[in-house]
Amino acid sequence: MSNFQAACGIAQLLRIEELIAKKREIFSWYKKRLGGIKGIELNTEAPGTKNTYWMMTVVFDKKFNLDKLKTINDLEKLGIQARPFFYPVSSLPAVNVPADTPVAFDLSPRSINLPCFHDIKEEEVDYVCTKLLYILGES
């Protein structure tokens, strides 16, 4: 790490509570719009923990028969940049080590990360949720 990178990291740590509060607010907007939709699961916060909501992850029930990459592409066509949820590490060519991780292989194909950049506006979250529900046939 360079001195400049270290300085940037320290500067961000000085604002850590502000940054986490903003990410938690953004999550609350998504939860308000998607939290009650049957078949959609959002990030969890285990008792005794404080989730920083670094990413806004949505896990879709199998009933949606979701193609993760098609859904991301459909959102992209509407001006929404979503990202794939993490792939199981053992599935990556660089790792090439078999692993018995059925939960990772179950979740990855039916999960995506929605936009949650620090400056996203509530109206933009509304747009993302409206379009996502439309794509899922839930609007």
N, C-alpha and C. Protein backbone atom coordinates (compact mmCIF):
# COMPACT_ATOMS: atom_id res chain seq x y z
N MET A 1 0.86 -1.17 0.00
CA MET A 1 0.00 0.00 0.00
C MET A 1 0.90 1.23 0.00
N SER A 2 0.56 2.17 -0.84
CA SER A 2 1.33 3.41 -0.89
C SER A 2 0.93 4.33 0.26
N ASN A 3 1.74 5.36 0.49
CA ASN A 3 1.41 6.35 1.52
C ASN A 3 0.09 7.04 1.21
N PHE A 4 -0.12 7.33 -0.08
CA PHE A 4 -1.37 7.99 -0.49
C PHE A 4 -2.58 7.09 -0.19
N GLN A 5 -2.47 5.80 -0.53
CA GLN A 5 -3.57 4.87 -0.26
C GLN A 5 -3.83 4.77 1.24
N ALA A 6 -2.78 4.73 2.03
CA ALA A 6 -2.94 4.67 3.48
C ALA A 6 -3.62 5.93 4.01
N ALA A 7 -3.23 7.08 3.47
CA ALA A 7 -3.84 8.35 3.91
C ALA A 7 -5.33 8.37 3.56
N CYS A 8 -5.67 7.90 2.36
CA CYS A 8 -7.08 7.83 1.96
C CYS A 8 -7.85 6.89 2.88
N GLY A 9 -7.26 5.76 3.20
CA GLY A 9 -7.91 4.81 4.10
C GLY A 9 -8.16 5.40 5.48
N ILE A 10 -7.17 6.09 6.02
CA ILE A 10 -7.32 6.73 7.33
C ILE A 10 -8.40 7.81 7.27
N ALA A 11 -8.41 8.59 6.20
CA ALA A 11 -9.44 9.64 6.07
C ALA A 11 -10.84 9.02 6.05
N GLN A 12 -10.99 7.89 5.37
CA GLN A 12 -12.30 7.23 5.34
C GLN A 12 -12.67 6.68 6.72
N LEU A 13 -11.69 6.17 7.43
CA LEU A 13 -11.97 5.64 8.77
C LEU A 13 -12.44 6.74 9.72
N LEU A 14 -11.98 7.97 9.50
CA LEU A 14 -12.43 9.09 10.34
C LEU A 14 -13.93 9.35 10.15
N ARG A 15 -14.47 8.92 9.00
CA ARG A 15 -15.90 9.14 8.73
C ARG A 15 -16.70 7.83 8.75
N ILE A 16 -16.15 6.80 9.35
CA ILE A 16 -16.76 5.46 9.25
C ILE A 16 -18.20 5.44 9.75
N GLU A 17 -18.48 6.09 10.84
CA GLU A 17 -19.85 6.07 11.37
C GLU A 17 -20.82 6.75 10.41
N GLU A 18 -20.41 7.86 9.81
CA GLU A 18 -21.23 8.55 8.82
C GLU A 18 -21.48 7.66 7.60
N LEU A 19 -20.44 7.00 7.11
CA LEU A 19 -20.57 6.15 5.93
C LEU A 19 -21.48 4.96 6.20
N ILE A 20 -21.32 4.34 7.36
CA ILE A 20 -22.17 3.20 7.71
C ILE A 20 -23.61 3.65 7.89
N ALA A 21 -23.83 4.79 8.53
CA ALA A 21 -25.19 5.30 8.70
C ALA A 21 -25.87 5.52 7.35
N LYS A 22 -25.14 6.05 6.39
CA LYS A 22 -25.71 6.27 5.06
C LYS A 22 -26.05 4.94 4.38
N LYS A 23 -25.17 3.96 4.46
CA LYS A 23 -25.44 2.66 3.86
C LYS A 23 -26.65 1.99 4.53
N ARG A 24 -26.78 2.16 5.81
CA ARG A 24 -27.93 1.59 6.53
C ARG A 24 -29.23 2.30 6.11
N GLU A 25 -29.14 3.61 5.87
CA GLU A 25 -30.31 4.34 5.38
C GLU A 25 -30.71 3.84 3.99
N ILE A 26 -29.74 3.65 3.12
CA ILE A 26 -30.03 3.15 1.77
C ILE A 26 -30.68 1.78 1.86
N PHE A 27 -30.15 0.92 2.74
CA PHE A 27 -30.78 -0.40 2.92
C PHE A 27 -32.23 -0.26 3.37
N SER A 28 -32.49 0.68 4.26
CA SER A 28 -33.86 0.86 4.77
C SER A 28 -34.82 1.23 3.63
N TRP A 29 -34.33 1.99 2.65
CA TRP A 29 -35.18 2.34 1.50
C TRP A 29 -35.52 1.09 0.70
N TYR A 30 -34.52 0.25 0.46
CA TYR A 30 -34.77 -1.00 -0.26
C TYR A 30 -35.70 -1.91 0.54
N LYS A 31 -35.47 -2.00 1.83
CA LYS A 31 -36.30 -2.87 2.68
C LYS A 31 -37.75 -2.42 2.67
N LYS A 32 -37.98 -1.12 2.69
CA LYS A 32 -39.33 -0.58 2.68
C LYS A 32 -40.06 -0.99 1.39
N ARG A 33 -39.34 -1.06 0.29
CA ARG A 33 -39.96 -1.34 -1.01
C ARG A 33 -39.97 -2.82 -1.38
N LEU A 34 -38.98 -3.57 -0.92
CA LEU A 34 -38.87 -4.97 -1.32
C LEU A 34 -39.04 -5.96 -0.17
N GLY A 35 -38.94 -5.47 1.05
CA GLY A 35 -38.96 -6.36 2.22
C GLY A 35 -40.22 -7.19 2.38
N GLY A 36 -41.33 -6.70 1.90
CA GLY A 36 -42.58 -7.44 2.07
C GLY A 36 -42.97 -8.28 0.87
N ILE A 37 -42.12 -8.37 -0.13
CA ILE A 37 -42.44 -9.12 -1.35
C ILE A 37 -42.11 -10.59 -1.12
N LYS A 38 -43.14 -11.42 -1.26
CA LYS A 38 -42.95 -12.87 -1.07
C LYS A 38 -41.97 -13.39 -2.12
N GLY A 39 -40.97 -14.12 -1.64
CA GLY A 39 -39.99 -14.70 -2.54
C GLY A 39 -38.75 -13.86 -2.74
N ILE A 40 -38.68 -12.72 -2.06
CA ILE A 40 -37.49 -11.87 -2.13
C ILE A 40 -36.92 -11.76 -0.72
N GLU A 41 -35.64 -12.11 -0.60
CA GLU A 41 -34.95 -12.02 0.68
C GLU A 41 -33.82 -11.01 0.57
N LEU A 42 -33.72 -10.15 1.57
CA LEU A 42 -32.69 -9.11 1.59
C LEU A 42 -31.61 -9.47 2.60
N ASN A 43 -30.55 -8.67 2.62
CA ASN A 43 -29.48 -8.87 3.60
C ASN A 43 -30.07 -9.05 4.99
N THR A 44 -29.42 -9.85 5.78
CA THR A 44 -29.88 -10.04 7.15
C THR A 44 -28.92 -9.37 8.13
N GLU A 45 -29.41 -9.18 9.32
CA GLU A 45 -28.58 -8.64 10.39
C GLU A 45 -28.78 -9.54 11.60
N ALA A 46 -27.81 -10.37 11.84
CA ALA A 46 -27.91 -11.34 12.94
C ALA A 46 -27.95 -10.60 14.28
N PRO A 47 -28.64 -11.18 15.25
CA PRO A 47 -28.67 -10.56 16.58
C PRO A 47 -27.24 -10.35 17.10
N GLY A 48 -27.03 -9.20 17.71
CA GLY A 48 -25.72 -8.89 18.27
C GLY A 48 -24.70 -8.39 17.26
N THR A 49 -25.15 -8.14 16.02
CA THR A 49 -24.24 -7.63 15.00
C THR A 49 -24.77 -6.31 14.44
N LYS A 50 -23.93 -5.62 13.72
CA LYS A 50 -24.34 -4.40 13.04
C LYS A 50 -23.91 -4.53 11.58
N ASN A 51 -24.85 -4.78 10.71
CA ASN A 51 -24.55 -4.93 9.29
C ASN A 51 -24.23 -3.57 8.70
N THR A 52 -23.15 -3.49 7.95
CA THR A 52 -22.77 -2.23 7.32
C THR A 52 -23.42 -2.08 5.95
N TYR A 53 -24.05 -3.13 5.45
CA TYR A 53 -24.74 -3.12 4.15
C TYR A 53 -23.83 -2.58 3.05
N TRP A 54 -22.62 -3.13 3.01
CA TRP A 54 -21.66 -2.77 1.97
C TRP A 54 -22.28 -2.99 0.59
N MET A 55 -22.96 -4.10 0.41
CA MET A 55 -23.68 -4.39 -0.83
C MET A 55 -25.14 -4.61 -0.49
N MET A 56 -26.02 -4.27 -1.43
CA MET A 56 -27.46 -4.48 -1.26
C MET A 56 -27.82 -5.75 -2.02
N THR A 57 -27.83 -6.86 -1.32
CA THR A 57 -28.04 -8.17 -1.95
C THR A 57 -29.50 -8.58 -1.90
N VAL A 58 -29.96 -9.10 -3.02
CA VAL A 58 -31.32 -9.63 -3.12
C VAL A 58 -31.20 -11.09 -3.52
N VAL A 59 -31.83 -11.97 -2.72
CA VAL A 59 -31.88 -13.39 -3.03
C VAL A 59 -33.32 -13.69 -3.44
N PHE A 60 -33.45 -14.27 -4.63
CA PHE A 60 -34.78 -14.57 -5.18
C PHE A 60 -35.15 -16.02 -4.92
N ASP A 61 -36.40 -16.22 -4.58
CA ASP A 61 -36.92 -17.57 -4.41
C ASP A 61 -36.82 -18.31 -5.75
N LYS A 62 -36.70 -19.61 -5.66
CA LYS A 62 -36.60 -20.43 -6.88
C LYS A 62 -37.84 -20.30 -7.76
N LYS A 63 -38.96 -19.87 -7.19
CA LYS A 63 -40.21 -19.74 -7.96
C LYS A 63 -40.06 -18.76 -9.13
N PHE A 64 -39.11 -17.82 -9.01
CA PHE A 64 -38.91 -16.84 -10.07
C PHE A 64 -38.17 -17.43 -11.27
N ASN A 65 -37.56 -18.60 -11.07
CA ASN A 65 -36.79 -19.24 -12.14
C ASN A 65 -35.83 -18.23 -12.76
N LEU A 66 -35.10 -17.58 -11.92
CA LEU A 66 -34.26 -16.45 -12.29
C LEU A 66 -33.00 -16.87 -13.03
N ASP A 67 -32.72 -16.16 -14.10
CA ASP A 67 -31.40 -16.23 -14.74
C ASP A 67 -30.69 -14.96 -14.31
N LYS A 68 -29.73 -15.11 -13.42
CA LYS A 68 -29.06 -13.96 -12.82
C LYS A 68 -28.49 -13.00 -13.86
N LEU A 69 -27.77 -13.51 -14.82
CA LEU A 69 -27.13 -12.64 -15.81
C LEU A 69 -28.15 -11.97 -16.72
N LYS A 70 -29.23 -12.67 -17.06
CA LYS A 70 -30.30 -12.06 -17.87
C LYS A 70 -30.97 -10.93 -17.08
N THR A 71 -31.22 -11.17 -15.81
CA THR A 71 -31.84 -10.14 -14.97
C THR A 71 -30.94 -8.90 -14.88
N ILE A 72 -29.66 -9.11 -14.70
CA ILE A 72 -28.71 -8.00 -14.67
C ILE A 72 -28.72 -7.26 -16.00
N ASN A 73 -28.74 -8.01 -17.09
CA ASN A 73 -28.78 -7.40 -18.42
C ASN A 73 -30.09 -6.62 -18.64
N ASP A 74 -31.21 -7.18 -18.21
CA ASP A 74 -32.50 -6.48 -18.32
C ASP A 74 -32.49 -5.17 -17.53
N LEU A 75 -31.89 -5.20 -16.35
CA LEU A 75 -31.78 -3.97 -15.55
C LEU A 75 -30.86 -2.97 -16.24
N GLU A 76 -29.78 -3.45 -16.82
CA GLU A 76 -28.84 -2.58 -17.53
C GLU A 76 -29.53 -1.84 -18.66
N LYS A 77 -30.42 -2.52 -19.37
CA LYS A 77 -31.17 -1.89 -20.47
C LYS A 77 -32.05 -0.75 -19.96
N LEU A 78 -32.38 -0.78 -18.68
CA LEU A 78 -33.21 0.25 -18.07
C LEU A 78 -32.35 1.30 -17.33
N GLY A 79 -31.05 1.24 -17.54
CA GLY A 79 -30.16 2.21 -16.93
C GLY A 79 -29.76 1.89 -15.50
N ILE A 80 -29.90 0.63 -15.10
CA ILE A 80 -29.61 0.22 -13.73
C ILE A 80 -28.43 -0.75 -13.75
N GLN A 81 -27.38 -0.39 -13.05
CA GLN A 81 -26.21 -1.25 -12.99
C GLN A 81 -26.25 -2.13 -11.75
N ALA A 82 -26.64 -3.38 -11.97
CA ALA A 82 -26.62 -4.38 -10.90
C ALA A 82 -25.37 -5.24 -11.09
N ARG A 83 -25.02 -5.98 -10.06
CA ARG A 83 -23.85 -6.84 -10.12
C ARG A 83 -24.25 -8.25 -9.71
N PRO A 84 -23.53 -9.22 -10.25
CA PRO A 84 -23.80 -10.59 -9.80
C PRO A 84 -23.38 -10.76 -8.34
N PHE A 85 -24.14 -11.55 -7.63
CA PHE A 85 -23.74 -11.97 -6.29
C PHE A 85 -22.50 -12.83 -6.45
N PHE A 86 -21.73 -12.97 -5.43
CA PHE A 86 -20.48 -13.71 -5.51
C PHE A 86 -20.68 -15.13 -6.03
N TYR A 87 -19.72 -15.58 -6.80
CA TYR A 87 -19.69 -16.96 -7.28
C TYR A 87 -18.97 -17.80 -6.22
N PRO A 88 -19.37 -19.07 -6.08
CA PRO A 88 -18.64 -19.92 -5.14
C PRO A 88 -17.16 -19.95 -5.50
N VAL A 89 -16.30 -19.77 -4.54
CA VAL A 89 -14.86 -19.72 -4.80
C VAL A 89 -14.41 -20.99 -5.50
N SER A 90 -14.95 -22.12 -5.10
CA SER A 90 -14.51 -23.38 -5.71
C SER A 90 -14.93 -23.51 -7.17
N SER A 91 -15.81 -22.62 -7.65
CA SER A 91 -16.23 -22.67 -9.05
C SER A 91 -15.33 -21.84 -9.96
N LEU A 92 -14.44 -21.06 -9.37
CA LEU A 92 -13.58 -20.18 -10.15
C LEU A 92 -12.39 -20.96 -10.74
N PRO A 93 -12.10 -20.75 -12.01
CA PRO A 93 -11.00 -21.49 -12.65
C PRO A 93 -9.66 -21.34 -11.93
N ALA A 94 -9.39 -20.19 -11.36
CA ALA A 94 -8.11 -19.96 -10.69
C ALA A 94 -7.95 -20.84 -9.45
N VAL A 95 -9.07 -21.21 -8.83
CA VAL A 95 -9.02 -22.01 -7.61
C VAL A 95 -8.90 -23.48 -7.97
N ASN A 96 -9.82 -23.95 -8.81
CA ASN A 96 -9.77 -25.32 -9.32
C ASN A 96 -9.62 -26.37 -8.22
N VAL A 97 -10.37 -26.17 -7.13
CA VAL A 97 -10.36 -27.12 -6.03
C VAL A 97 -11.80 -27.52 -5.75
N PRO A 98 -12.13 -28.79 -5.88
CA PRO A 98 -13.51 -29.20 -5.59
C PRO A 98 -13.86 -28.94 -4.12
N ALA A 99 -15.08 -28.55 -3.90
CA ALA A 99 -15.53 -28.29 -2.53
C ALA A 99 -17.00 -28.65 -2.43
N ASP A 100 -17.39 -29.13 -1.29
CA ASP A 100 -18.79 -29.46 -1.04
C ASP A 100 -19.43 -28.25 -0.37
N THR A 101 -19.91 -27.31 -1.21
CA THR A 101 -20.52 -26.07 -0.71
C THR A 101 -21.88 -25.88 -1.36
N PRO A 102 -22.85 -26.71 -1.00
CA PRO A 102 -24.15 -26.64 -1.67
C PRO A 102 -24.89 -25.33 -1.45
N VAL A 103 -24.71 -24.69 -0.31
CA VAL A 103 -25.41 -23.42 -0.06
C VAL A 103 -24.89 -22.35 -1.01
N ALA A 104 -23.58 -22.27 -1.16
CA ALA A 104 -22.99 -21.28 -2.08
C ALA A 104 -23.47 -21.52 -3.51
N PHE A 105 -23.52 -22.78 -3.93
CA PHE A 105 -23.96 -23.10 -5.28
C PHE A 105 -25.47 -22.89 -5.45
N ASP A 106 -26.21 -22.95 -4.36
CA ASP A 106 -27.65 -22.67 -4.42
C ASP A 106 -27.93 -21.17 -4.48
N LEU A 107 -27.24 -20.39 -3.66
CA LEU A 107 -27.51 -18.95 -3.57
C LEU A 107 -27.00 -18.15 -4.76
N SER A 108 -25.82 -18.45 -5.22
CA SER A 108 -25.18 -17.64 -6.25
C SER A 108 -26.03 -17.43 -7.50
N PRO A 109 -26.63 -18.46 -8.08
CA PRO A 109 -27.37 -18.25 -9.34
C PRO A 109 -28.67 -17.45 -9.18
N ARG A 110 -29.14 -17.29 -7.96
CA ARG A 110 -30.42 -16.59 -7.77
C ARG A 110 -30.29 -15.35 -6.89
N SER A 111 -29.11 -14.75 -6.95
CA SER A 111 -28.85 -13.56 -6.13
C SER A 111 -28.11 -12.51 -6.94
N ILE A 112 -28.49 -11.25 -6.71
CA ILE A 112 -27.80 -10.13 -7.35
C ILE A 112 -27.59 -9.02 -6.33
N ASN A 113 -26.68 -8.12 -6.66
CA ASN A 113 -26.46 -6.93 -5.84
C ASN A 113 -26.99 -5.72 -6.59
N LEU A 114 -27.84 -4.96 -5.92
CA LEU A 114 -28.46 -3.78 -6.51
C LEU A 114 -27.61 -2.54 -6.23
N PRO A 115 -27.82 -1.47 -7.00
CA PRO A 115 -27.04 -0.25 -6.78
C PRO A 115 -27.21 0.27 -5.35
N CYS A 116 -26.10 0.60 -4.74
CA CYS A 116 -26.16 1.14 -3.37
C CYS A 116 -25.01 2.09 -3.10
N PHE A 117 -24.56 2.76 -4.16
CA PHE A 117 -23.45 3.69 -3.99
C PHE A 117 -23.83 4.77 -2.99
N HIS A 118 -22.85 5.33 -2.38
CA HIS A 118 -23.05 6.22 -1.23
C HIS A 118 -23.96 7.41 -1.51
N ASP A 119 -23.97 7.90 -2.74
CA ASP A 119 -24.77 9.09 -3.06
C ASP A 119 -26.09 8.77 -3.75
N ILE A 120 -26.51 7.50 -3.76
CA ILE A 120 -27.78 7.16 -4.39
C ILE A 120 -28.91 7.89 -3.67
N LYS A 121 -29.88 8.32 -4.42
CA LYS A 121 -31.03 9.05 -3.87
C LYS A 121 -32.19 8.09 -3.68
N GLU A 122 -33.09 8.43 -2.78
CA GLU A 122 -34.25 7.58 -2.51
C GLU A 122 -35.10 7.39 -3.77
N GLU A 123 -35.20 8.44 -4.60
CA GLU A 123 -35.97 8.33 -5.84
C GLU A 123 -35.33 7.32 -6.80
N GLU A 124 -34.01 7.23 -6.77
CA GLU A 124 -33.32 6.24 -7.60
C GLU A 124 -33.57 4.82 -7.10
N VAL A 125 -33.62 4.65 -5.79
CA VAL A 125 -33.96 3.35 -5.22
C VAL A 125 -35.39 2.98 -5.62
N ASP A 126 -36.30 3.95 -5.59
CA ASP A 126 -37.68 3.72 -6.06
C ASP A 126 -37.68 3.18 -7.49
N TYR A 127 -36.91 3.82 -8.35
CA TYR A 127 -36.83 3.43 -9.76
C TYR A 127 -36.29 2.01 -9.88
N VAL A 128 -35.20 1.71 -9.18
CA VAL A 128 -34.61 0.37 -9.22
C VAL A 128 -35.63 -0.67 -8.80
N CYS A 129 -36.31 -0.43 -7.68
CA CYS A 129 -37.27 -1.40 -7.15
C CYS A 129 -38.46 -1.58 -8.09
N THR A 130 -38.97 -0.48 -8.63
CA THR A 130 -40.10 -0.55 -9.57
C THR A 130 -39.73 -1.38 -10.79
N LYS A 131 -38.57 -1.14 -11.35
CA LYS A 131 -38.14 -1.86 -12.55
C LYS A 131 -37.81 -3.32 -12.24
N LEU A 132 -37.22 -3.57 -11.10
CA LEU A 132 -36.93 -4.95 -10.71
C LEU A 132 -38.22 -5.75 -10.55
N LEU A 133 -39.19 -5.18 -9.89
CA LEU A 133 -40.47 -5.87 -9.70
C LEU A 133 -41.18 -6.09 -11.04
N TYR A 134 -41.05 -5.14 -11.94
CA TYR A 134 -41.62 -5.29 -13.28
C TYR A 134 -40.97 -6.47 -14.00
N ILE A 135 -39.65 -6.55 -13.95
CA ILE A 135 -38.93 -7.65 -14.60
C ILE A 135 -39.36 -8.99 -14.00
N LEU A 136 -39.58 -9.01 -12.70
CA LEU A 136 -39.98 -10.26 -12.02
C LEU A 136 -41.46 -10.58 -12.20
N GLY A 137 -42.20 -9.66 -12.81
CA GLY A 137 -43.64 -9.87 -12.97
C GLY A 137 -44.41 -9.65 -11.69
N GLU A 138 -43.86 -8.84 -10.80
CA GLU A 138 -44.48 -8.59 -9.48
C GLU A 138 -45.08 -7.20 -9.38
N SER A 139 -45.10 -6.45 -10.47
CA SER A 139 -45.60 -5.07 -10.37
C SER A 139 -47.09 -5.00 -10.58
